[in-house]
Amino acid sequence: MADVSPIELQMALKGANYPSSRDDLMRCAENNGADQTIMDELSHLPSQDFENPSEVQKAVFH
């Protein structure tokens, strides 16, 4: 399981537009000041488009 909470992830991805690629999500998180732990979790996501925040949550907390 991820080392971040779902709430931390939601805060990091606030304002993300969907569908979003992994790189789009990482840029959004970086712009929101996400810490390295969150950035690491996002960097391990599959290279695909995510249709909504729920899909991102499922991928991170699989």
N, C-alpha and C. Protein backbone atom coordinates (compact mmCIF):
# COMPACT_ATOMS: atom_id res chain seq x y z
N MET A 1 0.84 -1.19 0.00
CA MET A 1 0.00 0.00 0.00
C MET A 1 0.88 1.24 0.00
N ALA A 2 0.35 2.30 -0.50
CA ALA A 2 1.08 3.55 -0.62
C ALA A 2 1.40 4.13 0.75
N ASP A 3 2.45 4.95 0.78
CA ASP A 3 2.86 5.61 2.02
C ASP A 3 2.19 6.96 2.21
N VAL A 4 1.17 7.23 1.43
CA VAL A 4 0.42 8.49 1.54
C VAL A 4 -1.04 8.16 1.81
N SER A 5 -1.74 9.11 2.38
CA SER A 5 -3.17 8.91 2.64
C SER A 5 -3.98 9.36 1.42
N PRO A 6 -5.19 8.85 1.29
CA PRO A 6 -6.04 9.31 0.19
C PRO A 6 -6.27 10.82 0.23
N ILE A 7 -6.36 11.38 1.42
CA ILE A 7 -6.58 12.82 1.53
C ILE A 7 -5.36 13.59 1.03
N GLU A 8 -4.15 13.13 1.38
CA GLU A 8 -2.94 13.78 0.89
C GLU A 8 -2.88 13.72 -0.64
N LEU A 9 -3.27 12.58 -1.19
CA LEU A 9 -3.26 12.43 -2.64
C LEU A 9 -4.26 13.39 -3.28
N GLN A 10 -5.47 13.47 -2.72
CA GLN A 10 -6.48 14.39 -3.26
C GLN A 10 -5.99 15.83 -3.21
N MET A 11 -5.34 16.21 -2.13
CA MET A 11 -4.84 17.58 -2.01
C MET A 11 -3.75 17.85 -3.05
N ALA A 12 -2.89 16.86 -3.28
CA ALA A 12 -1.81 17.02 -4.26
C ALA A 12 -2.36 17.17 -5.67
N LEU A 13 -3.50 16.54 -5.94
CA LEU A 13 -4.06 16.55 -7.29
C LEU A 13 -5.21 17.54 -7.45
N LYS A 14 -5.36 18.43 -6.50
CA LYS A 14 -6.41 19.44 -6.58
C LYS A 14 -6.24 20.25 -7.86
N GLY A 15 -7.33 20.37 -8.60
CA GLY A 15 -7.31 21.16 -9.83
C GLY A 15 -6.91 20.37 -11.07
N ALA A 16 -6.64 19.08 -10.92
CA ALA A 16 -6.27 18.27 -12.08
C ALA A 16 -7.45 18.17 -13.04
N ASN A 17 -7.14 18.23 -14.32
CA ASN A 17 -8.16 18.06 -15.35
C ASN A 17 -8.12 16.62 -15.83
N TYR A 18 -9.28 16.04 -16.01
CA TYR A 18 -9.37 14.64 -16.47
C TYR A 18 -10.04 14.58 -17.82
N PRO A 19 -9.63 13.63 -18.66
CA PRO A 19 -8.60 12.61 -18.41
C PRO A 19 -7.21 13.23 -18.32
N SER A 20 -6.36 12.60 -17.50
CA SER A 20 -4.98 13.05 -17.26
C SER A 20 -4.02 11.88 -17.39
N SER A 21 -2.88 12.16 -17.96
CA SER A 21 -1.83 11.16 -18.03
C SER A 21 -1.04 11.18 -16.71
N ARG A 22 -0.19 10.19 -16.52
CA ARG A 22 0.68 10.16 -15.34
C ARG A 22 1.51 11.45 -15.27
N ASP A 23 2.06 11.88 -16.40
CA ASP A 23 2.88 13.09 -16.42
C ASP A 23 2.07 14.32 -16.06
N ASP A 24 0.83 14.39 -16.55
CA ASP A 24 -0.05 15.52 -16.21
C ASP A 24 -0.31 15.55 -14.70
N LEU A 25 -0.55 14.38 -14.12
CA LEU A 25 -0.82 14.29 -12.69
C LEU A 25 0.42 14.69 -11.88
N MET A 26 1.59 14.27 -12.34
CA MET A 26 2.82 14.63 -11.65
C MET A 26 3.06 16.14 -11.70
N ARG A 27 2.78 16.76 -12.85
CA ARG A 27 2.93 18.21 -12.97
C ARG A 27 1.98 18.93 -12.02
N CYS A 28 0.75 18.46 -11.98
CA CYS A 28 -0.26 19.07 -11.11
C CYS A 28 0.18 18.96 -9.64
N ALA A 29 0.62 17.78 -9.25
CA ALA A 29 1.06 17.56 -7.86
C ALA A 29 2.26 18.45 -7.53
N GLU A 30 3.19 18.56 -8.45
CA GLU A 30 4.36 19.40 -8.23
C GLU A 30 3.94 20.86 -8.05
N ASN A 31 3.03 21.32 -8.89
CA ASN A 31 2.52 22.70 -8.80
C ASN A 31 1.79 22.95 -7.48
N ASN A 32 1.22 21.88 -6.91
CA ASN A 32 0.50 21.99 -5.64
C ASN A 32 1.43 21.77 -4.44
N GLY A 33 2.73 21.63 -4.69
CA GLY A 33 3.69 21.50 -3.60
C GLY A 33 3.75 20.13 -2.97
N ALA A 34 3.41 19.09 -3.73
CA ALA A 34 3.42 17.73 -3.18
C ALA A 34 4.83 17.34 -2.73
N ASP A 35 4.87 16.54 -1.66
CA ASP A 35 6.18 16.10 -1.17
C ASP A 35 6.71 14.94 -2.02
N GLN A 36 7.94 14.56 -1.74
CA GLN A 36 8.61 13.55 -2.56
C GLN A 36 7.91 12.20 -2.49
N THR A 37 7.30 11.87 -1.37
CA THR A 37 6.59 10.59 -1.24
C THR A 37 5.45 10.50 -2.24
N ILE A 38 4.69 11.56 -2.35
CA ILE A 38 3.57 11.58 -3.30
C ILE A 38 4.10 11.54 -4.73
N MET A 39 5.14 12.30 -4.99
CA MET A 39 5.72 12.29 -6.34
C MET A 39 6.21 10.89 -6.71
N ASP A 40 6.82 10.19 -5.76
CA ASP A 40 7.29 8.82 -6.00
C ASP A 40 6.12 7.89 -6.33
N GLU A 41 5.04 8.02 -5.57
CA GLU A 41 3.86 7.18 -5.82
C GLU A 41 3.31 7.44 -7.22
N LEU A 42 3.21 8.70 -7.60
CA LEU A 42 2.68 9.04 -8.92
C LEU A 42 3.61 8.56 -10.02
N SER A 43 4.90 8.59 -9.78
CA SER A 43 5.85 8.16 -10.82
C SER A 43 5.74 6.67 -11.11
N HIS A 44 5.17 5.91 -10.19
CA HIS A 44 5.01 4.47 -10.39
C HIS A 44 3.66 4.09 -11.00
N LEU A 45 2.84 5.08 -11.30
CA LEU A 45 1.56 4.79 -11.95
C LEU A 45 1.80 4.27 -13.37
N PRO A 46 0.88 3.46 -13.87
CA PRO A 46 1.02 3.02 -15.26
C PRO A 46 0.93 4.20 -16.22
N SER A 47 1.56 4.05 -17.35
CA SER A 47 1.53 5.09 -18.38
C SER A 47 0.22 4.96 -19.15
N GLN A 48 -0.80 5.62 -18.67
CA GLN A 48 -2.13 5.57 -19.27
C GLN A 48 -2.86 6.85 -18.91
N ASP A 49 -4.01 7.06 -19.52
CA ASP A 49 -4.85 8.18 -19.14
C ASP A 49 -5.80 7.74 -18.04
N PHE A 50 -5.94 8.56 -17.03
CA PHE A 50 -6.86 8.31 -15.93
C PHE A 50 -8.08 9.19 -16.15
N GLU A 51 -9.25 8.58 -16.10
CA GLU A 51 -10.49 9.29 -16.43
C GLU A 51 -11.02 10.15 -15.29
N ASN A 52 -10.64 9.83 -14.05
CA ASN A 52 -11.17 10.56 -12.90
C ASN A 52 -10.31 10.28 -11.67
N PRO A 53 -10.53 11.04 -10.60
CA PRO A 53 -9.73 10.84 -9.38
C PRO A 53 -9.85 9.42 -8.81
N SER A 54 -11.01 8.82 -8.97
CA SER A 54 -11.20 7.47 -8.44
C SER A 54 -10.26 6.47 -9.10
N GLU A 55 -10.03 6.60 -10.40
CA GLU A 55 -9.09 5.71 -11.09
C GLU A 55 -7.67 5.91 -10.57
N VAL A 56 -7.31 7.14 -10.27
CA VAL A 56 -5.98 7.41 -9.72
C VAL A 56 -5.86 6.76 -8.35
N GLN A 57 -6.87 6.94 -7.51
CA GLN A 57 -6.86 6.33 -6.17
C GLN A 57 -6.69 4.82 -6.26
N LYS A 58 -7.44 4.19 -7.15
CA LYS A 58 -7.35 2.73 -7.30
C LYS A 58 -5.95 2.31 -7.72
N ALA A 59 -5.34 3.06 -8.61
CA ALA A 59 -4.00 2.72 -9.09
C ALA A 59 -2.95 2.90 -7.99
N VAL A 60 -3.08 3.94 -7.18
CA VAL A 60 -2.11 4.19 -6.14
C VAL A 60 -2.29 3.22 -4.96
N PHE A 61 -3.52 2.96 -4.59
CA PHE A 61 -3.81 2.15 -3.41
C PHE A 61 -4.27 0.74 -3.78
N HIS A 62 -3.67 0.17 -4.79
CA HIS A 62 -4.05 -1.18 -5.25
C HIS A 62 -3.71 -2.27 -4.26
